[in-house]
PDB file of all heavy atoms in Angstrom:
ATOM      1  N   LEU A   1     -28.118   9.365  -1.481  1.00  0.00           N
ATOM      2  CA  LEU A   1     -27.627   8.968  -2.796  1.00  0.00           C
ATOM      3  C   LEU A   1     -26.684   7.763  -2.743  1.00  0.00           C
ATOM      4  O   LEU A   1     -26.755   6.874  -3.606  1.00  0.00           O
ATOM      5  CB  LEU A   1     -26.884  10.137  -3.452  1.00  0.00           C
ATOM      6  CG  LEU A   1     -27.713  11.220  -4.122  1.00  0.00           C
ATOM      7  CD1 LEU A   1     -26.856  12.451  -4.402  1.00  0.00           C
ATOM      8  CD2 LEU A   1     -28.330  10.689  -5.415  1.00  0.00           C
ATOM      9  N   LEU A   2     -25.811   7.723  -1.778  1.00  0.00           N
ATOM     10  CA  LEU A   2     -24.724   6.736  -1.786  1.00  0.00           C
ATOM     11  C   LEU A   2     -25.192   5.283  -1.912  1.00  0.00           C
ATOM     12  O   LEU A   2     -24.592   4.518  -2.679  1.00  0.00           O
ATOM     13  CB  LEU A   2     -23.855   6.914  -0.535  1.00  0.00           C
ATOM     14  CG  LEU A   2     -22.810   8.025  -0.642  1.00  0.00           C
ATOM     15  CD1 LEU A   2     -22.236   8.348   0.733  1.00  0.00           C
ATOM     16  CD2 LEU A   2     -21.694   7.636  -1.604  1.00  0.00           C
ATOM     17  N   PRO A   3     -26.237   4.846  -1.221  1.00  0.00           N
ATOM     18  CA  PRO A   3     -26.650   3.438  -1.378  1.00  0.00           C
ATOM     19  C   PRO A   3     -27.247   3.123  -2.743  1.00  0.00           C
ATOM     20  O   PRO A   3     -27.342   1.953  -3.119  1.00  0.00           O
ATOM     21  CB  PRO A   3     -27.726   3.272  -0.287  1.00  0.00           C
ATOM     22  CG  PRO A   3     -27.518   4.400   0.657  1.00  0.00           C
ATOM     23  CD  PRO A   3     -27.020   5.528  -0.176  1.00  0.00           C
ATOM     24  N   ALA A   4     -27.639   4.174  -3.498  1.00  0.00           N
ATOM     25  CA  ALA A   4     -28.372   3.953  -4.749  1.00  0.00           C
ATOM     26  C   ALA A   4     -27.497   3.984  -5.996  1.00  0.00           C
ATOM     27  O   ALA A   4     -27.932   3.545  -7.059  1.00  0.00           O
ATOM     28  CB  ALA A   4     -29.475   5.013  -4.894  1.00  0.00           C
ATOM     29  N   VAL A   5     -26.272   4.497  -5.881  1.00  0.00           N
ATOM     30  CA  VAL A   5     -25.451   4.731  -7.069  1.00  0.00           C
ATOM     31  C   VAL A   5     -24.054   4.149  -6.900  1.00  0.00           C
ATOM     32  O   VAL A   5     -23.671   3.701  -5.817  1.00  0.00           O
ATOM     33  CB  VAL A   5     -25.362   6.253  -7.376  1.00  0.00           C
ATOM     34  CG1 VAL A   5     -26.753   6.837  -7.589  1.00  0.00           C
ATOM     35  CG2 VAL A   5     -24.632   7.009  -6.274  1.00  0.00           C
ATOM     36  N   ALA A   6     -23.293   4.170  -7.996  1.00  0.00           N
ATOM     37  CA  ALA A   6     -21.934   3.630  -7.950  1.00  0.00           C
ATOM     38  C   ALA A   6     -20.998   4.517  -7.143  1.00  0.00           C
ATOM     39  O   ALA A   6     -20.122   4.034  -6.418  1.00  0.00           O
ATOM     40  CB  ALA A   6     -21.395   3.466  -9.370  1.00  0.00           C
ATOM     41  N   ARG A   7     -21.193   5.840  -7.290  1.00  0.00           N
ATOM     42  CA  ARG A   7     -20.293   6.786  -6.637  1.00  0.00           C
ATOM     43  C   ARG A   7     -20.954   8.152  -6.582  1.00  0.00           C
ATOM     44  O   ARG A   7     -21.741   8.507  -7.463  1.00  0.00           O
ATOM     45  CB  ARG A   7     -18.962   6.863  -7.402  1.00  0.00           C
ATOM     46  CG  ARG A   7     -17.854   7.596  -6.679  1.00  0.00           C
ATOM     47  CD  ARG A   7     -16.504   7.400  -7.387  1.00  0.00           C
ATOM     48  NE  ARG A   7     -15.424   7.855  -6.544  1.00  0.00           N
ATOM     49  CZ  ARG A   7     -14.859   7.140  -5.578  1.00  0.00           C
ATOM     50  NH1 ARG A   7     -15.268   5.897  -5.365  1.00  0.00           N
ATOM     51  NH2 ARG A   7     -13.902   7.630  -4.821  1.00  0.00           N
ATOM     52  N   VAL A   8     -20.629   8.916  -5.560  1.00  0.00           N
ATOM     53  CA  VAL A   8     -21.038  10.319  -5.463  1.00  0.00           C
ATOM     54  C   VAL A   8     -19.786  11.179  -5.446  1.00  0.00           C
ATOM     55  O   VAL A   8     -18.871  10.942  -4.658  1.00  0.00           O
ATOM     56  CB  VAL A   8     -21.873  10.595  -4.191  1.00  0.00           C
ATOM     57  CG1 VAL A   8     -22.144  12.095  -4.050  1.00  0.00           C
ATOM     58  CG2 VAL A   8     -23.187   9.829  -4.233  1.00  0.00           C
ATOM     59  N   HIS A   9     -19.751  12.140  -6.358  1.00  0.00           N
ATOM     60  CA  HIS A   9     -18.648  13.106  -6.386  1.00  0.00           C
ATOM     61  C   HIS A   9     -19.241  14.451  -5.988  1.00  0.00           C
ATOM     62  O   HIS A   9     -19.998  15.050  -6.742  1.00  0.00           O
ATOM     63  CB  HIS A   9     -18.009  13.174  -7.769  1.00  0.00           C
ATOM     64  CG  HIS A   9     -16.663  13.821  -7.764  1.00  0.00           C
ATOM     65  ND1 HIS A   9     -15.609  13.370  -8.519  1.00  0.00           N
ATOM     66  CD2 HIS A   9     -16.191  14.900  -7.086  1.00  0.00           C
ATOM     67  CE1 HIS A   9     -14.556  14.138  -8.305  1.00  0.00           C
ATOM     68  NE2 HIS A   9     -14.898  15.081  -7.438  1.00  0.00           N
ATOM     69  N   ALA A  10     -18.927  14.900  -4.792  1.00  0.00           N
ATOM     70  CA  ALA A  10     -19.496  16.126  -4.246  1.00  0.00           C
ATOM     71  C   ALA A  10     -18.547  17.297  -4.468  1.00  0.00           C
ATOM     72  O   ALA A  10     -17.341  17.185  -4.244  1.00  0.00           O
ATOM     73  CB  ALA A  10     -19.784  15.955  -2.763  1.00  0.00           C
ATOM     74  N   VAL A  11     -19.104  18.424  -4.884  1.00  0.00           N
ATOM     75  CA  VAL A  11     -18.334  19.657  -5.071  1.00  0.00           C
ATOM     76  C   VAL A  11     -18.864  20.673  -4.065  1.00  0.00           C
ATOM     77  O   VAL A  11     -20.034  21.055  -4.119  1.00  0.00           O
ATOM     78  CB  VAL A  11     -18.473  20.204  -6.505  1.00  0.00           C
ATOM     79  CG1 VAL A  11     -17.741  21.537  -6.647  1.00  0.00           C
ATOM     80  CG2 VAL A  11     -17.922  19.202  -7.510  1.00  0.00           C
ATOM     81  N   GLU A  12     -18.004  21.109  -3.167  1.00  0.00           N
ATOM     82  CA  GLU A  12     -18.412  22.012  -2.087  1.00  0.00           C
ATOM     83  C   GLU A  12     -17.438  23.196  -1.994  1.00  0.00           C
ATOM     84  O   GLU A  12     -16.241  22.992  -1.840  1.00  0.00           O
ATOM     85  CB  GLU A  12     -18.451  21.252  -0.758  1.00  0.00           C
ATOM     86  CG  GLU A  12     -18.738  22.101   0.461  1.00  0.00           C
ATOM     87  CD  GLU A  12     -20.066  22.844   0.357  1.00  0.00           C
ATOM     88  OE1 GLU A  12     -21.113  22.181   0.309  1.00  0.00           O
ATOM     89  OE2 GLU A  12     -20.014  24.093   0.323  1.00  0.00           O
ATOM     90  N   ILE A  13     -17.979  24.411  -2.066  1.00  0.00           N
ATOM     91  CA  ILE A  13     -17.136  25.603  -2.034  1.00  0.00           C
ATOM     92  C   ILE A  13     -16.693  25.959  -0.624  1.00  0.00           C
ATOM     93  O   ILE A  13     -15.625  26.562  -0.434  1.00  0.00           O
ATOM     94  CB  ILE A  13     -17.890  26.795  -2.684  1.00  0.00           C
ATOM     95  CG1 ILE A  13     -16.924  27.963  -2.928  1.00  0.00           C
ATOM     96  CG2 ILE A  13     -19.081  27.217  -1.852  1.00  0.00           C
ATOM     97  CD1 ILE A  13     -17.553  29.097  -3.729  1.00  0.00           C
ATOM     98  N   ASP A  14     -17.482  25.593   0.387  1.00  0.00           N
ATOM     99  CA  ASP A  14     -17.168  25.917   1.780  1.00  0.00           C
ATOM    100  C   ASP A  14     -16.162  24.906   2.316  1.00  0.00           C
ATOM    101  O   ASP A  14     -16.480  23.723   2.448  1.00  0.00           O
ATOM    102  CB  ASP A  14     -18.457  25.881   2.606  1.00  0.00           C
ATOM    103  CG  ASP A  14     -18.265  26.367   4.039  1.00  0.00           C
ATOM    104  OD1 ASP A  14     -17.209  26.062   4.626  1.00  0.00           O
ATOM    105  OD2 ASP A  14     -19.179  27.028   4.566  1.00  0.00           O
ATOM    106  N   PRO A  15     -14.936  25.334   2.642  1.00  0.00           N
ATOM    107  CA  PRO A  15     -13.915  24.363   3.068  1.00  0.00           C
ATOM    108  C   PRO A  15     -14.260  23.630   4.355  1.00  0.00           C
ATOM    109  O   PRO A  15     -13.860  22.482   4.542  1.00  0.00           O
ATOM    110  CB  PRO A  15     -12.650  25.221   3.223  1.00  0.00           C
ATOM    111  CG  PRO A  15     -13.143  26.631   3.367  1.00  0.00           C
ATOM    112  CD  PRO A  15     -14.399  26.710   2.580  1.00  0.00           C
ATOM    113  N   VAL A  16     -14.995  24.282   5.235  1.00  0.00           N
ATOM    114  CA  VAL A  16     -15.382  23.624   6.485  1.00  0.00           C
ATOM    115  C   VAL A  16     -16.346  22.482   6.199  1.00  0.00           C
ATOM    116  O   VAL A  16     -16.189  21.360   6.705  1.00  0.00           O
ATOM    117  CB  VAL A  16     -16.014  24.642   7.456  1.00  0.00           C
ATOM    118  CG1 VAL A  16     -16.548  23.927   8.701  1.00  0.00           C
ATOM    119  CG2 VAL A  16     -14.997  25.698   7.854  1.00  0.00           C
ATOM    120  N   LEU A  17     -17.348  22.740   5.366  1.00  0.00           N
ATOM    121  CA  LEU A  17     -18.311  21.698   5.018  1.00  0.00           C
ATOM    122  C   LEU A  17     -17.661  20.586   4.188  1.00  0.00           C
ATOM    123  O   LEU A  17     -17.968  19.406   4.373  1.00  0.00           O
ATOM    124  CB  LEU A  17     -19.484  22.308   4.254  1.00  0.00           C
ATOM    125  CG  LEU A  17     -20.383  23.250   5.058  1.00  0.00           C
ATOM    126  CD1 LEU A  17     -21.439  23.870   4.162  1.00  0.00           C
ATOM    127  CD2 LEU A  17     -21.026  22.515   6.222  1.00  0.00           C
ATOM    128  N   ALA A  18     -16.759  20.970   3.285  1.00  0.00           N
ATOM    129  CA  ALA A  18     -16.057  19.962   2.479  1.00  0.00           C
ATOM    130  C   ALA A  18     -15.234  19.041   3.359  1.00  0.00           C
ATOM    131  O   ALA A  18     -15.146  17.826   3.110  1.00  0.00           O
ATOM    132  CB  ALA A  18     -15.165  20.658   1.451  1.00  0.00           C
ATOM    133  N   GLY A  19     -14.646  19.589   4.403  1.00  0.00           N
ATOM    134  CA  GLY A  19     -13.841  18.784   5.318  1.00  0.00           C
ATOM    135  C   GLY A  19     -14.669  17.879   6.206  1.00  0.00           C
ATOM    136  O   GLY A  19     -14.234  16.787   6.587  1.00  0.00           O
ATOM    137  N   LEU A  20     -15.884  18.310   6.547  1.00  0.00           N
ATOM    138  CA  LEU A  20     -16.745  17.529   7.437  1.00  0.00           C
ATOM    139  C   LEU A  20     -17.408  16.353   6.747  1.00  0.00           C
ATOM    140  O   LEU A  20     -17.631  15.300   7.359  1.00  0.00           O
ATOM    141  CB  LEU A  20     -17.834  18.438   8.017  1.00  0.00           C
ATOM    142  CG  LEU A  20     -18.899  17.746   8.877  1.00  0.00           C
ATOM    143  CD1 LEU A  20     -18.303  17.271  10.197  1.00  0.00           C
ATOM    144  CD2 LEU A  20     -20.089  18.668   9.116  1.00  0.00           C
ATOM    145  N   LEU A  21     -17.743  16.506   5.454  1.00  0.00           N
ATOM    146  CA  LEU A  21     -18.580  15.521   4.771  1.00  0.00           C
ATOM    147  C   LEU A  21     -18.033  14.090   4.835  1.00  0.00           C
ATOM    148  O   LEU A  21     -18.791  13.154   5.141  1.00  0.00           O
ATOM    149  CB  LEU A  21     -18.809  15.943   3.323  1.00  0.00           C
ATOM    150  CG  LEU A  21     -19.788  15.091   2.520  1.00  0.00           C
ATOM    151  CD1 LEU A  21     -21.178  15.102   3.166  1.00  0.00           C
ATOM    152  CD2 LEU A  21     -19.874  15.599   1.079  1.00  0.00           C
ATOM    153  N   PRO A  22     -16.746  13.848   4.567  1.00  0.00           N
ATOM    154  CA  PRO A  22     -16.261  12.456   4.623  1.00  0.00           C
ATOM    155  C   PRO A  22     -16.454  11.813   5.999  1.00  0.00           C
ATOM    156  O   PRO A  22     -16.794  10.623   6.089  1.00  0.00           O
ATOM    157  CB  PRO A  22     -14.773  12.582   4.265  1.00  0.00           C
ATOM    158  CG  PRO A  22     -14.702  13.828   3.443  1.00  0.00           C
ATOM    159  CD  PRO A  22     -15.696  14.762   4.063  1.00  0.00           C
ATOM    160  N   SER A  23     -16.254  12.574   7.069  1.00  0.00           N
ATOM    161  CA  SER A  23     -16.417  11.989   8.406  1.00  0.00           C
ATOM    162  C   SER A  23     -17.885  11.717   8.721  1.00  0.00           C
ATOM    163  O   SER A  23     -18.217  10.726   9.377  1.00  0.00           O
ATOM    164  CB  SER A  23     -15.792  12.903   9.467  1.00  0.00           C
ATOM    165  OG  SER A  23     -16.401  14.179   9.476  1.00  0.00           O
ATOM    166  N   THR A  24     -18.780  12.583   8.240  1.00  0.00           N
ATOM    167  CA  THR A  24     -20.211  12.348   8.439  1.00  0.00           C
ATOM    168  C   THR A  24     -20.634  11.065   7.731  1.00  0.00           C
ATOM    169  O   THR A  24     -21.369  10.245   8.283  1.00  0.00           O
ATOM    170  CB  THR A  24     -21.030  13.537   7.895  1.00  0.00           C
ATOM    171  OG1 THR A  24     -20.663  14.722   8.600  1.00  0.00           O
ATOM    172  CG2 THR A  24     -22.521  13.300   8.059  1.00  0.00           C
ATOM    173  N   VAL A  25     -20.164  10.883   6.508  1.00  0.00           N
ATOM    174  CA  VAL A  25     -20.505   9.678   5.753  1.00  0.00           C
ATOM    175  C   VAL A  25     -19.871   8.445   6.389  1.00  0.00           C
ATOM    176  O   VAL A  25     -20.508   7.376   6.493  1.00  0.00           O
ATOM    177  CB  VAL A  25     -20.069   9.831   4.282  1.00  0.00           C
ATOM    178  CG1 VAL A  25     -20.181   8.503   3.544  1.00  0.00           C
ATOM    179  CG2 VAL A  25     -20.913  10.894   3.584  1.00  0.00           C
ATOM    180  N   ALA A  26     -18.633   8.563   6.841  1.00  0.00           N
ATOM    181  CA  ALA A  26     -17.970   7.423   7.484  1.00  0.00           C
ATOM    182  C   ALA A  26     -18.714   6.989   8.744  1.00  0.00           C
ATOM    183  O   ALA A  26     -18.792   5.793   9.064  1.00  0.00           O
ATOM    184  CB  ALA A  26     -16.531   7.790   7.825  1.00  0.00           C
ATOM    185  N   GLU A  27     -19.292   7.940   9.449  1.00  0.00           N
ATOM    186  CA  GLU A  27     -20.021   7.628  10.676  1.00  0.00           C
ATOM    187  C   GLU A  27     -21.399   7.047  10.400  1.00  0.00           C
ATOM    188  O   GLU A  27     -21.826   6.091  11.052  1.00  0.00           O
ATOM    189  CB  GLU A  27     -20.184   8.911  11.507  1.00  0.00           C
ATOM    190  CG  GLU A  27     -21.012   8.722  12.773  1.00  0.00           C
ATOM    191  CD  GLU A  27     -21.294  10.026  13.497  1.00  0.00           C
ATOM    192  OE1 GLU A  27     -20.784  11.071  13.068  1.00  0.00           O
ATOM    193  OE2 GLU A  27     -22.055   9.977  14.485  1.00  0.00           O
ATOM    194  N   ARG A  28     -22.089   7.606   9.410  1.00  0.00           N
ATOM    195  CA  ARG A  28     -23.494   7.266   9.207  1.00  0.00           C
ATOM    196  C   ARG A  28     -23.728   6.277   8.066  1.00  0.00           C
ATOM    197  O   ARG A  28     -24.820   5.706   7.959  1.00  0.00           O
ATOM    198  CB  ARG A  28     -24.296   8.547   8.963  1.00  0.00           C
ATOM    199  CG  ARG A  28     -24.127   9.586  10.062  1.00  0.00           C
ATOM    200  CD  ARG A  28     -24.986  10.807   9.831  1.00  0.00           C
ATOM    201  NE  ARG A  28     -26.362  10.559  10.217  1.00  0.00           N
ATOM    202  CZ  ARG A  28     -26.856  10.711  11.454  1.00  0.00           C
ATOM    203  NH1 ARG A  28     -26.064  11.104  12.439  1.00  0.00           N
ATOM    204  NH2 ARG A  28     -28.117  10.475  11.702  1.00  0.00           N
ATOM    205  N   ALA A  29     -22.731   6.086   7.203  1.00  0.00           N
ATOM    206  CA  ALA A  29     -22.853   5.129   6.096  1.00  0.00           C
ATOM    207  C   ALA A  29     -21.497   4.492   5.823  1.00  0.00           C
ATOM    208  O   ALA A  29     -20.956   4.608   4.722  1.00  0.00           O
ATOM    209  CB  ALA A  29     -23.374   5.830   4.844  1.00  0.00           C
ATOM    210  N   PRO A  30     -20.927   3.800   6.807  1.00  0.00           N
ATOM    211  CA  PRO A  30     -19.562   3.272   6.654  1.00  0.00           C
ATOM    212  C   PRO A  30     -19.394   2.329   5.470  1.00  0.00           C
ATOM    213  O   PRO A  30     -18.324   2.291   4.862  1.00  0.00           O
ATOM    214  CB  PRO A  30     -19.301   2.563   7.991  1.00  0.00           C
ATOM    215  CG  PRO A  30     -20.654   2.311   8.579  1.00  0.00           C
ATOM    216  CD  PRO A  30     -21.503   3.444   8.113  1.00  0.00           C
ATOM    217  N   GLU A  31     -20.448   1.595   5.112  1.00  0.00           N
ATOM    218  CA  GLU A  31     -20.323   0.651   4.000  1.00  0.00           C
ATOM    219  C   GLU A  31     -20.217   1.363   2.649  1.00  0.00           C
ATOM    220  O   GLU A  31     -19.739   0.773   1.679  1.00  0.00           O
ATOM    221  CB  GLU A  31     -21.524  -0.303   3.995  1.00  0.00           C
ATOM    222  CG  GLU A  31     -21.551  -1.219   5.205  1.00  0.00           C
ATOM    223  CD  GLU A  31     -22.698  -2.211   5.141  1.00  0.00           C
ATOM    224  OE1 GLU A  31     -23.400  -2.253   4.119  1.00  0.00           O
ATOM    225  OE2 GLU A  31     -22.885  -2.959   6.129  1.00  0.00           O
ATOM    226  N   GLN A  32     -20.674   2.607   2.578  1.00  0.00           N
ATOM    227  CA  GLN A  32     -20.604   3.349   1.325  1.00  0.00           C
ATOM    228  C   GLN A  32     -19.538   4.455   1.332  1.00  0.00           C
ATOM    229  O   GLN A  32     -19.372   5.160   0.342  1.00  0.00           O
ATOM    230  CB  GLN A  32     -21.961   3.997   1.014  1.00  0.00           C
ATOM    231  CG  GLN A  32     -23.039   3.025   0.595  1.00  0.00           C
ATOM    232  CD  GLN A  32     -23.911   2.600   1.755  1.00  0.00           C
ATOM    233  OE1 GLN A  32     -24.211   3.397   2.622  1.00  0.00           O
ATOM    234  NE2 GLN A  32     -24.344   1.349   1.769  1.00  0.00           N
ATOM    235  N   ALA A  33     -18.828   4.617   2.433  1.00  0.00           N
ATOM    236  CA  ALA A  33     -17.897   5.736   2.569  1.00  0.00           C
ATOM    237  C   ALA A  33     -16.831   5.742   1.483  1.00  0.00           C
ATOM    238  O   ALA A  33     -16.373   6.813   1.057  1.00  0.00           O
ATOM    239  CB  ALA A  33     -17.243   5.704   3.948  1.00  0.00           C
ATOM    240  N   GLY A  34     -16.429   4.562   1.029  1.00  0.00           N
ATOM    241  CA  GLY A  34     -15.402   4.486  -0.007  1.00  0.00           C
ATOM    242  C   GLY A  34     -15.883   4.917  -1.372  1.00  0.00           C
ATOM    243  O   GLY A  34     -15.079   5.034  -2.308  1.00  0.00           O
ATOM    244  N   ARG A  35     -17.170   5.171  -1.512  1.00  0.00           N
ATOM    245  CA  ARG A  35     -17.728   5.572  -2.802  1.00  0.00           C
ATOM    246  C   ARG A  35     -17.979   7.077  -2.873  1.00  0.00           C
ATOM    247  O   ARG A  35     -18.667   7.545  -3.781  1.00  0.00           O
ATOM    248  CB  ARG A  35     -19.036   4.811  -3.078  1.00  0.00           C
ATOM    249  CG  ARG A  35     -18.869   3.298  -3.033  1.00  0.00           C
ATOM    250  CD  ARG A  35     -19.853   2.601  -3.948  1.00  0.00           C
ATOM    251  NE  ARG A  35     -21.233   2.888  -3.636  1.00  0.00           N
ATOM    252  CZ  ARG A  35     -22.015   2.149  -2.853  1.00  0.00           C
ATOM    253  NH1 ARG A  35     -21.496   1.088  -2.246  1.00  0.00           N
ATOM    254  NH2 ARG A  35     -23.274   2.447  -2.664  1.00  0.00           N
ATOM    255  N   LEU A  36     -17.410   7.818  -1.933  1.00  0.00           N
ATOM    256  CA  LEU A  36     -17.560   9.275  -1.921  1.00  0.00           C
ATOM    257  C   LEU A  36     -16.245   9.946  -2.274  1.00  0.00           C
ATOM    258  O   LEU A  36     -15.183   9.598  -1.754  1.00  0.00           O
ATOM    259  CB  LEU A  36     -18.004   9.750  -0.537  1.00  0.00           C
ATOM    260  CG  LEU A  36     -18.014  11.275  -0.329  1.00  0.00           C
ATOM    261  CD1 LEU A  36     -19.125  11.926  -1.143  1.00  0.00           C
ATOM    262  CD2 LEU A  36     -18.159  11.620   1.154  1.00  0.00           C
ATOM    263  N   THR A  37     -16.327  10.921  -3.178  1.00  0.00           N
ATOM    264  CA  THR A  37     -15.192  11.805  -3.477  1.00  0.00           C
ATOM    265  C   THR A  37     -15.657  13.232  -3.245  1.00  0.00           C
ATOM    266  O   THR A  37     -16.773  13.594  -3.623  1.00  0.00           O
ATOM    267  CB  THR A  37     -14.743  11.660  -4.947  1.00  0.00           C
ATOM    268  OG1 THR A  37     -14.327  10.321  -5.180  1.00  0.00           O
ATOM    269  CG2 THR A  37     -13.584  12.599  -5.268  1.00  0.00           C
ATOM    270  N   VAL A  38     -14.825  14.024  -2.608  1.00  0.00           N
ATOM    271  CA  VAL A  38     -15.160  15.424  -2.354  1.00  0.00           C
ATOM    272  C   VAL A  38     -14.124  16.319  -3.009  1.00  0.00           C
ATOM    273  O   VAL A  38     -12.915  16.124  -2.837  1.00  0.00           O
ATOM    274  CB  VAL A  38     -15.219  15.731  -0.845  1.00  0.00           C
ATOM    275  CG1 VAL A  38     -15.576  17.202  -0.611  1.00  0.00           C
ATOM    276  CG2 VAL A  38     -16.223  14.827  -0.150  1.00  0.00           C
ATOM    277  N   THR A  39     -14.608  17.286  -3.782  1.00  0.00           N
ATOM    278  CA  THR A  39     -13.738  18.304  -4.369  1.00  0.00           C
ATOM    279  C   THR A  39     -14.119  19.659  -3.775  1.00  0.00           C
ATOM    280  O   THR A  39     -15.278  20.065  -3.855  1.00  0.00           O
ATOM    281  CB  THR A  39     -13.907  18.357  -5.904  1.00  0.00           C
ATOM    282  OG1 THR A  39     -13.401  17.154  -6.469  1.00  0.00           O
ATOM    283  CG2 THR A  39     -13.161  19.546  -6.503  1.00  0.00           C
ATOM    284  N   GLY A  40     -13.155  20.311  -3.160  1.00  0.00           N
ATOM    285  CA  GLY A  40     -13.384  21.642  -2.618  1.00  0.00           C
ATOM    286  C   GLY A  40     -13.166  22.667  -3.718  1.00  0.00           C
ATOM    287  O   GLY A  40     -12.029  22.962  -4.082  1.00  0.00           O
TER     288      GLY A  40
END
């Protein structure tokens, strides 16, 4: 989603997964990492 849209706002109930997502995106899509927001 991130390369196709202005921003992704992810809602994740699992705190472990919510904590991992920003680092996964930073590693695999660094140019779009600033367009991700995560709400646990």
